Structures are given as C-alpha cells and as structure tokens.
C-alpha cells in the first residue's frame, strides 16, 4: 500500500510537506514518503496528533533528539527518534 492509495495517509503526507516552516517540510516530507505506507493504525494516530503540534516545538524536539537529548512528550518519543534518525541518514548520504 502506498500513501496515495489511502485517503488518511494521503492527508498525512500532504500535511507533512506543507507545514509552514520550510525546515519542517524538509524533515517530515521525506520521512512521511518513506514511512507512512508501513505505519500501523496506532502509529498513524500518534503521527496525526503530532502533526497538530506547532512547528517550533516539533523542530526543537527533533534537533534535541539528534543531540541525544530528550524533552518531547512521551507519546511522540518513538516517532521523533525515527524522524531524527531518518534526517541524519539523509544528511550523511549527501
């Protein structure tokens, strides 16, 4: 299944690429393209709730995680770690 084949995933993909803060578009868009198709229902629900957070908070949580710090709300911790790791992998490949 691809994100485009499921309306809920398609909405989450669009919300991931159109955040309002370009840095967040570049962090969340590629992550969503790579991961949404394989996320289970509970993880999709958490991701959808996380996308409702403001960009400045999300950005701070992702950057803190990349430095080995914590501070994001517990429900988002797993996703924030995955987003941070995916961004680090993309940066390392360039």
N, C-alpha and C. Protein backbone atom coordinates (compact mmCIF):
# COMPACT_ATOMS: atom_id res chain seq x y z
N UNK A 1 0.85 -1.18 0.00
CA UNK A 1 0.00 0.00 0.00
C UNK A 1 0.89 1.24 0.00
N UNK A 2 0.51 2.20 -0.80
CA UNK A 2 1.24 3.46 -0.84
C UNK A 2 0.41 4.53 -0.16
N UNK A 3 1.04 5.61 0.31
CA UNK A 3 0.26 6.68 0.93
C UNK A 3 -0.85 7.19 0.02
N UNK A 4 -0.60 7.24 -1.26
CA UNK A 4 -1.59 7.78 -2.19
C UNK A 4 -2.82 6.88 -2.31
N UNK A 5 -2.71 5.59 -1.93
CA UNK A 5 -3.83 4.68 -2.07
C UNK A 5 -4.80 4.74 -0.89
N UNK A 6 -4.44 5.41 0.16
CA UNK A 6 -5.26 5.51 1.36
C UNK A 6 -5.50 6.99 1.67
N UNK A 7 -6.76 7.42 1.70
CA UNK A 7 -7.03 8.85 1.91
C UNK A 7 -6.42 9.42 3.20
N UNK A 8 -6.44 8.66 4.28
CA UNK A 8 -5.87 9.16 5.54
C UNK A 8 -4.36 9.36 5.40
N UNK A 9 -3.69 8.40 4.80
CA UNK A 9 -2.25 8.52 4.60
C UNK A 9 -1.93 9.66 3.64
N UNK A 10 -2.76 9.82 2.63
CA UNK A 10 -2.55 10.90 1.66
C UNK A 10 -2.63 12.27 2.35
N UNK A 11 -3.61 12.43 3.25
CA UNK A 11 -3.73 13.68 4.00
C UNK A 11 -2.52 13.91 4.89
N UNK A 12 -2.06 12.84 5.55
CA UNK A 12 -0.88 12.98 6.42
C UNK A 12 0.36 13.33 5.60
N UNK A 13 0.48 12.75 4.42
CA UNK A 13 1.61 13.09 3.56
C UNK A 13 1.57 14.56 3.16
N UNK A 14 0.39 15.03 2.78
CA UNK A 14 0.26 16.44 2.40
C UNK A 14 0.59 17.36 3.59
N UNK A 15 0.08 17.01 4.78
CA UNK A 15 0.36 17.81 5.97
C UNK A 15 1.83 17.78 6.35
N UNK A 16 2.50 16.70 6.01
CA UNK A 16 3.93 16.59 6.30
C UNK A 16 4.76 17.50 5.41
N UNK A 17 4.32 17.68 4.17
CA UNK A 17 5.06 18.52 3.22
C UNK A 17 4.67 19.99 3.27
N UNK A 18 3.53 20.31 3.86
CA UNK A 18 3.05 21.69 3.86
C UNK A 18 2.82 22.17 5.29
N UNK A 19 3.93 22.42 5.97
CA UNK A 19 3.88 22.76 7.37
C UNK A 19 3.79 24.26 7.62
N UNK A 20 4.46 25.05 6.83
CA UNK A 20 4.54 26.48 7.10
C UNK A 20 5.95 26.89 7.48
N UNK A 21 6.75 25.95 7.88
CA UNK A 21 8.15 26.19 8.21
C UNK A 21 8.96 25.26 7.31
N UNK A 22 9.72 25.81 6.42
CA UNK A 22 10.42 25.02 5.39
C UNK A 22 11.27 23.91 5.99
N UNK A 23 11.92 24.19 7.11
CA UNK A 23 12.74 23.18 7.76
C UNK A 23 11.92 21.94 8.12
N UNK A 24 10.69 22.17 8.57
CA UNK A 24 9.83 21.05 8.93
C UNK A 24 9.35 20.30 7.69
N UNK A 25 9.09 21.03 6.61
CA UNK A 25 8.74 20.36 5.35
C UNK A 25 9.84 19.38 4.96
N UNK A 26 11.09 19.83 5.09
CA UNK A 26 12.23 19.02 4.67
C UNK A 26 12.52 17.86 5.62
N UNK A 27 12.12 17.98 6.86
CA UNK A 27 12.28 16.88 7.81
C UNK A 27 11.13 15.88 7.72
N UNK A 28 9.91 16.39 7.68
CA UNK A 28 8.75 15.49 7.74
C UNK A 28 8.33 14.93 6.38
N UNK A 29 8.50 15.71 5.31
CA UNK A 29 8.07 15.24 4.00
C UNK A 29 8.74 13.95 3.56
N UNK A 30 10.06 13.92 3.52
CA UNK A 30 10.74 12.68 3.12
C UNK A 30 10.47 11.52 4.09
N UNK A 31 10.39 11.83 5.38
CA UNK A 31 10.07 10.79 6.36
C UNK A 31 8.70 10.18 6.05
N UNK A 32 7.72 11.04 5.83
CA UNK A 32 6.37 10.55 5.54
C UNK A 32 6.34 9.72 4.25
N UNK A 33 7.04 10.18 3.23
CA UNK A 33 7.08 9.42 1.98
C UNK A 33 7.65 8.02 2.19
N UNK A 34 8.66 7.92 3.04
CA UNK A 34 9.32 6.64 3.26
C UNK A 34 8.57 5.74 4.25
N UNK A 35 7.86 6.33 5.21
CA UNK A 35 7.34 5.55 6.33
C UNK A 35 5.83 5.37 6.42
N UNK A 36 5.06 6.29 5.87
CA UNK A 36 3.60 6.22 6.06
C UNK A 36 2.99 4.91 5.59
N UNK A 37 3.44 4.38 4.49
CA UNK A 37 2.84 3.18 3.93
C UNK A 37 2.94 1.98 4.86
N UNK A 38 3.94 1.96 5.73
CA UNK A 38 4.14 0.80 6.60
C UNK A 38 3.70 1.04 8.04
N UNK A 39 3.22 2.25 8.36
CA UNK A 39 2.78 2.53 9.72
C UNK A 39 1.46 1.83 10.02
N UNK A 40 1.36 1.26 11.23
CA UNK A 40 0.10 0.65 11.64
C UNK A 40 -0.86 1.73 12.15
N UNK A 41 -2.08 1.34 12.43
CA UNK A 41 -3.12 2.28 12.84
C UNK A 41 -2.76 3.14 14.04
N UNK A 42 -2.31 2.53 15.15
CA UNK A 42 -1.96 3.34 16.32
C UNK A 42 -0.83 4.33 16.04
N UNK A 43 0.16 3.92 15.27
CA UNK A 43 1.26 4.82 14.94
C UNK A 43 0.79 5.95 14.06
N UNK A 44 -0.10 5.65 13.11
CA UNK A 44 -0.68 6.71 12.28
C UNK A 44 -1.44 7.72 13.13
N UNK A 45 -2.17 7.23 14.13
CA UNK A 45 -2.91 8.13 15.02
C UNK A 45 -1.96 9.05 15.78
N UNK A 46 -0.88 8.49 16.29
CA UNK A 46 0.11 9.30 17.01
C UNK A 46 0.75 10.31 16.07
N UNK A 47 1.08 9.88 14.86
CA UNK A 47 1.70 10.78 13.87
C UNK A 47 0.74 11.92 13.55
N UNK A 48 -0.54 11.61 13.36
CA UNK A 48 -1.54 12.65 13.06
C UNK A 48 -1.63 13.65 14.21
N UNK A 49 -1.64 13.17 15.45
CA UNK A 49 -1.67 14.08 16.60
C UNK A 49 -0.41 14.92 16.67
N UNK A 50 0.73 14.29 16.38
CA UNK A 50 2.00 15.01 16.42
C UNK A 50 2.01 16.13 15.40
N UNK A 51 1.42 15.92 14.22
CA UNK A 51 1.40 16.95 13.19
C UNK A 51 0.56 18.17 13.60
N UNK A 52 -0.25 18.02 14.63
CA UNK A 52 -1.03 19.15 15.11
C UNK A 52 -0.22 20.06 16.04
N UNK A 53 0.95 19.60 16.46
CA UNK A 53 1.82 20.43 17.29
C UNK A 53 2.41 21.55 16.42
N UNK A 54 2.84 22.62 17.07
CA UNK A 54 3.40 23.71 16.26
C UNK A 54 4.81 23.36 15.80
N UNK A 55 5.18 23.96 14.69
CA UNK A 55 6.46 23.65 14.04
C UNK A 55 7.66 23.92 14.94
N UNK A 56 7.64 24.99 15.69
CA UNK A 56 8.78 25.32 16.53
C UNK A 56 9.03 24.24 17.58
N UNK A 57 7.95 23.72 18.17
CA UNK A 57 8.12 22.64 19.15
C UNK A 57 8.64 21.37 18.48
N UNK A 58 8.02 20.99 17.36
CA UNK A 58 8.47 19.79 16.65
C UNK A 58 9.95 19.90 16.27
N UNK A 59 10.31 21.03 15.74
CA UNK A 59 11.70 21.23 15.31
C UNK A 59 12.65 21.10 16.51
N UNK A 60 12.29 21.72 17.60
CA UNK A 60 13.14 21.65 18.81
C UNK A 60 13.27 20.21 19.29
N UNK A 61 12.19 19.44 19.26
CA UNK A 61 12.24 18.05 19.71
C UNK A 61 13.13 17.21 18.81
N UNK A 62 13.03 17.41 17.50
CA UNK A 62 13.83 16.64 16.55
C UNK A 62 15.31 16.99 16.69
N UNK A 63 15.61 18.28 16.80
CA UNK A 63 17.00 18.71 16.96
C UNK A 63 17.57 18.20 18.29
N UNK A 64 16.79 18.29 19.36
CA UNK A 64 17.25 17.79 20.66
C UNK A 64 17.54 16.30 20.58
N UNK A 65 16.69 15.55 19.91
CA UNK A 65 16.89 14.11 19.79
C UNK A 65 18.16 13.81 19.01
N UNK A 66 18.45 14.60 17.99
CA UNK A 66 19.66 14.37 17.21
C UNK A 66 20.92 14.61 18.04
N UNK A 67 20.78 15.37 19.11
CA UNK A 67 21.90 15.64 20.02
C UNK A 67 21.93 14.66 21.19
N UNK A 68 21.01 13.71 21.19
CA UNK A 68 20.95 12.74 22.28
C UNK A 68 20.17 13.23 23.48
N UNK A 69 19.47 14.34 23.34
CA UNK A 69 18.68 14.89 24.44
C UNK A 69 17.25 14.38 24.35
N UNK A 70 16.51 14.60 25.40
CA UNK A 70 15.09 14.24 25.41
C UNK A 70 14.29 15.51 25.66
N UNK A 71 13.02 15.39 25.80
CA UNK A 71 12.21 16.55 26.11
C UNK A 71 10.88 16.58 25.39
N UNK A 72 10.69 15.72 24.42
CA UNK A 72 9.40 15.72 23.73
C UNK A 72 8.39 14.91 24.55
N UNK A 73 7.11 15.14 24.34
CA UNK A 73 6.10 14.36 25.05
C UNK A 73 6.26 12.86 24.77
N UNK A 74 6.05 12.06 25.77
CA UNK A 74 6.26 10.61 25.68
C UNK A 74 5.57 9.94 24.49
N UNK A 75 4.32 10.30 24.17
CA UNK A 75 3.68 9.60 23.04
C UNK A 75 4.41 9.79 21.71
N UNK A 76 5.16 10.87 21.58
CA UNK A 76 5.84 11.17 20.32
C UNK A 76 7.29 10.69 20.29
N UNK A 77 7.81 10.23 21.39
CA UNK A 77 9.24 9.93 21.51
C UNK A 77 9.73 8.97 20.43
N UNK A 78 9.00 7.91 20.17
CA UNK A 78 9.42 6.94 19.16
C UNK A 78 9.46 7.53 17.77
N UNK A 79 8.42 8.29 17.42
CA UNK A 79 8.39 8.90 16.10
C UNK A 79 9.45 9.99 15.95
N UNK A 80 9.65 10.77 16.98
CA UNK A 80 10.68 11.81 16.93
C UNK A 80 12.05 11.17 16.72
N UNK A 81 12.31 10.06 17.40
CA UNK A 81 13.59 9.36 17.22
C UNK A 81 13.73 8.85 15.78
N UNK A 82 12.65 8.31 15.22
CA UNK A 82 12.70 7.82 13.84
C UNK A 82 12.90 8.95 12.85
N UNK A 83 12.24 10.08 13.07
CA UNK A 83 12.39 11.24 12.17
C UNK A 83 13.82 11.77 12.24
N UNK A 84 14.34 11.88 13.45
CA UNK A 84 15.70 12.38 13.64
C UNK A 84 16.71 11.44 12.97
N UNK A 85 16.53 10.14 13.14
CA UNK A 85 17.44 9.17 12.52
C UNK A 85 17.36 9.23 11.00
N UNK A 86 16.15 9.36 10.48
CA UNK A 86 15.97 9.43 9.02
C UNK A 86 16.64 10.69 8.47
N UNK A 87 16.49 11.80 9.17
CA UNK A 87 17.13 13.04 8.72
C UNK A 87 18.64 12.92 8.77
N UNK A 88 19.17 12.32 9.83
CA UNK A 88 20.62 12.12 9.93
C UNK A 88 21.12 11.23 8.81
N UNK A 89 20.37 10.18 8.48
CA UNK A 89 20.77 9.28 7.37
C UNK A 89 20.80 10.05 6.05
N UNK A 90 19.78 10.89 5.81
CA UNK A 90 19.74 11.66 4.56
C UNK A 90 20.90 12.64 4.48
N UNK A 91 21.21 13.29 5.59
CA UNK A 91 22.32 14.26 5.60
C UNK A 91 23.64 13.54 5.38
N UNK A 92 23.78 12.37 5.98
CA UNK A 92 25.02 11.60 5.83
C UNK A 92 25.24 11.10 4.42
N UNK A 93 24.18 10.92 3.64
CA UNK A 93 24.29 10.43 2.27
C UNK A 93 24.66 11.53 1.30
N UNK A 94 24.50 12.79 1.70
CA UNK A 94 24.80 13.90 0.79
C UNK A 94 26.23 14.32 0.86
